[in-house]
């Protein structure tokens, strides 16, 4: 039997009608998928991200992180070395991809087709795209320096008045 491939539909819950279909190898690990998604979604390379495995009730049940941490639970796993096939079955066909430091950027990834025999296309590849994905690159609080000063003052319990000497 050849290597399985998955067709994934990427959609942005905040932008109706915007989607992309990609074809990936079932053995691709989540870190490689992250790097590929940066390209497909036109994101700045090197950003922080996590994948969440979503169960059939729509609940996040496992987080795949870019970096290992001390948490030994199965609720958190590293992206590197964790292949997609470990989570794609009849129960798990959806993932969420959250990215951007201090941002709430999320796209849904749904497995729309499982190819038991690979298609004769080099993977990963984008096979269809509709609309343009647009995401916040900068946290709205950081856009205006006055806002960040006010935020830091509030966080530090400072009223913003100059210090007396």
Protein backbone atom coordinates (compact mmCIF):
# COMPACT_ATOMS: atom_id res chain seq x y z
CA UNK A 1 0.00 0.00 0.00
CA UNK A 2 1.29 3.48 -0.87
CA UNK A 3 1.56 6.43 1.43
CA UNK A 4 -1.72 8.01 2.43
CA UNK A 5 -2.47 11.64 1.73
CA UNK A 6 -4.98 14.00 3.31
CA UNK A 7 -6.88 16.80 1.66
CA UNK A 8 -7.40 19.58 4.20
CA UNK A 9 -9.74 22.54 3.88
CA UNK A 10 -8.45 25.67 5.61
CA UNK A 11 -11.11 28.20 6.58
CA UNK A 12 -11.12 31.40 8.59
CA UNK A 13 -14.09 31.57 10.99
CA UNK A 14 -13.95 35.39 10.81
CA UNK A 15 -14.04 35.58 6.99
CA UNK A 16 -16.89 33.81 5.24
CA UNK A 17 -16.10 32.48 1.79
CA UNK A 18 -12.32 32.45 2.27
CA UNK A 19 -10.75 28.99 2.08
CA UNK A 20 -7.91 26.92 0.69
CA UNK A 21 -7.61 23.21 0.01
CA UNK A 22 -4.21 21.61 0.49
CA UNK A 23 -2.94 18.10 -0.10
CA UNK A 24 -0.42 16.75 2.41
CA UNK A 25 1.28 13.45 3.22
CA UNK A 26 -0.19 11.59 6.21
CA UNK A 27 3.34 11.26 7.64
CA UNK A 28 3.96 15.03 7.57
CA UNK A 29 4.63 16.27 11.09
CA UNK A 30 2.81 19.26 12.55
CA UNK A 31 5.93 21.46 12.54
CA UNK A 32 6.31 20.95 8.77
CA UNK A 33 2.60 21.68 8.36
CA UNK A 34 3.09 24.89 10.38
CA UNK A 35 5.87 26.04 8.02
CA UNK A 36 3.74 25.17 5.00
CA UNK A 37 0.73 27.06 6.40
CA UNK A 38 2.90 30.17 6.86
CA UNK A 39 3.40 30.06 3.10
CA UNK A 40 -0.22 29.29 2.13
CA UNK A 41 -1.66 31.91 4.50
CA UNK A 42 1.04 34.50 3.61
CA UNK A 43 2.13 34.83 7.24
CA UNK A 44 5.39 36.31 8.40
CA UNK A 45 7.83 33.42 8.82
CA UNK A 46 9.00 32.49 12.28
CA UNK A 47 5.83 33.25 14.20
CA UNK A 48 4.66 31.36 17.26
CA UNK A 49 1.81 28.90 16.72
CA UNK A 50 -0.08 25.93 18.15
CA UNK A 51 -2.34 23.28 16.70
CA UNK A 52 -5.33 22.01 18.62
CA UNK A 53 -6.90 18.64 17.90
CA UNK A 54 -10.68 19.12 17.96
CA UNK A 55 -12.95 16.21 18.87
CA UNK A 56 -16.34 15.48 17.29
CA UNK A 57 -18.06 17.70 19.90
CA UNK A 58 -15.90 20.64 18.81
CA UNK A 59 -13.76 20.62 21.97
CA UNK A 60 -10.00 21.10 21.92
CA UNK A 61 -8.52 17.90 23.36
CA UNK A 62 -4.78 18.04 22.55
CA UNK A 63 -2.44 20.98 21.95
CA UNK A 64 0.58 20.57 19.70
CA UNK A 65 3.20 23.19 20.55
CA UNK A 66 6.32 24.42 18.78
CA UNK A 67 8.47 23.78 21.84
CA UNK A 68 8.56 20.94 24.33
CA UNK A 69 7.83 21.84 27.91
CA UNK A 70 7.86 20.00 31.22
CA UNK A 71 4.22 18.93 30.93
CA UNK A 72 4.29 15.15 30.39
CA UNK A 73 0.54 14.86 29.86
CA UNK A 74 -0.91 13.77 26.54
CA UNK A 75 -2.86 17.05 26.50
CA UNK A 76 0.23 18.78 25.14
CA UNK A 77 2.65 17.39 22.55
CA UNK A 78 5.49 18.87 20.46
CA UNK A 79 4.74 19.57 16.78
CA UNK A 80 8.10 18.22 15.65
CA UNK A 81 8.03 14.47 15.17
CA UNK A 82 4.25 14.16 15.63
CA UNK A 83 2.74 13.07 12.30
CA UNK A 84 -0.77 14.04 11.25
CA UNK A 85 -1.73 10.36 10.90
CA UNK A 86 -1.55 9.98 14.70
CA UNK A 87 -4.72 12.06 15.02
CA UNK A 88 -6.66 11.55 11.80
CA UNK A 89 -9.27 8.81 12.17
CA UNK A 90 -13.05 8.54 12.13
CA UNK A 91 -13.28 10.58 15.34
CA UNK A 92 -10.71 13.33 14.73
CA UNK A 93 -11.02 15.13 11.44
CA UNK A 94 -10.59 18.76 12.55
CA UNK A 95 -7.77 20.89 13.86
CA UNK A 96 -7.42 24.53 14.84
CA UNK A 97 -4.26 26.44 14.00
CA UNK A 98 -3.68 29.42 16.29
CA UNK A 99 -0.83 31.79 15.44
CA UNK A 100 0.66 35.18 16.16
CA UNK A 101 2.12 36.50 19.39
CA UNK A 102 -0.57 38.15 21.56
CA UNK A 103 -3.10 37.71 18.76
CA UNK A 104 -6.30 35.77 18.35
CA UNK A 105 -5.66 34.50 14.82
CA UNK A 106 -7.15 31.06 14.23
CA UNK A 107 -8.03 29.00 11.18
CA UNK A 108 -9.84 25.69 11.02
CA UNK A 109 -8.35 22.71 9.21
CA UNK A 110 -10.79 19.98 8.27
CA UNK A 111 -9.80 16.69 6.67
CA UNK A 112 -12.15 16.54 3.68
CA UNK A 113 -10.70 13.48 1.98
CA UNK A 114 -8.32 10.64 2.82
CA UNK A 115 -6.49 9.16 -0.15
CA UNK A 116 -5.43 5.58 0.66
CA UNK A 117 -3.27 5.60 -2.47
CA UNK A 118 -1.35 8.82 -3.13
CA UNK A 119 -2.34 11.12 -5.95
CA UNK A 120 0.38 11.78 -8.48
CA UNK A 121 0.97 15.31 -7.20
CA UNK A 122 3.99 16.49 -5.25
CA UNK A 123 2.91 17.28 -1.70
CA UNK A 124 2.40 19.47 0.16
CA UNK A 125 0.55 21.55 -2.38
CA UNK A 126 -2.33 24.00 -2.48
CA UNK A 127 -4.92 22.61 -4.89
CA UNK A 128 -7.59 25.33 -4.56
CA UNK A 129 -7.88 28.79 -3.02
CA UNK A 130 -10.90 31.07 -2.69
CA UNK A 131 -10.60 34.65 -1.46
CA UNK A 132 -7.68 36.16 0.44
CA UNK A 133 -6.76 35.36 4.02
CA UNK A 134 -6.12 38.49 6.09
CA UNK A 135 -4.94 38.45 9.67
CA UNK A 136 -3.80 40.94 12.28
CA UNK A 137 -0.03 41.12 12.25
CA UNK A 138 0.13 43.42 15.28
CA UNK A 139 -1.96 43.27 18.42
CA UNK A 140 -4.43 46.21 18.34
CA UNK A 141 -3.16 47.25 21.80
CA UNK A 142 0.35 47.63 20.40
CA UNK A 143 -0.61 49.74 17.37
CA UNK A 144 -0.66 52.96 19.36
CA UNK A 145 2.23 53.55 21.72
CA UNK A 146 -0.04 55.55 24.05
CA UNK A 147 -2.24 52.48 24.44
CA UNK A 148 0.71 50.29 25.44
CA UNK A 149 1.92 52.93 27.91
CA UNK A 150 -1.53 53.07 29.45
CA UNK A 151 -1.71 49.29 29.54
CA UNK A 152 1.69 49.00 31.24
CA UNK A 153 0.83 51.75 33.72
CA UNK A 154 -2.41 50.00 34.60
CA UNK A 155 -0.61 46.67 34.92
CA UNK A 156 2.02 48.22 37.21
CA UNK A 157 -0.55 50.14 39.26
CA UNK A 158 0.88 53.45 38.08
CA UNK A 159 -1.41 56.40 37.44
CA UNK A 160 0.94 57.73 34.75
CA UNK A 161 2.00 60.82 36.71
CA UNK A 162 5.71 61.74 36.53
CA UNK A 163 7.86 60.44 39.35
CA UNK A 164 8.82 62.96 42.01
CA UNK A 165 12.49 63.35 42.76
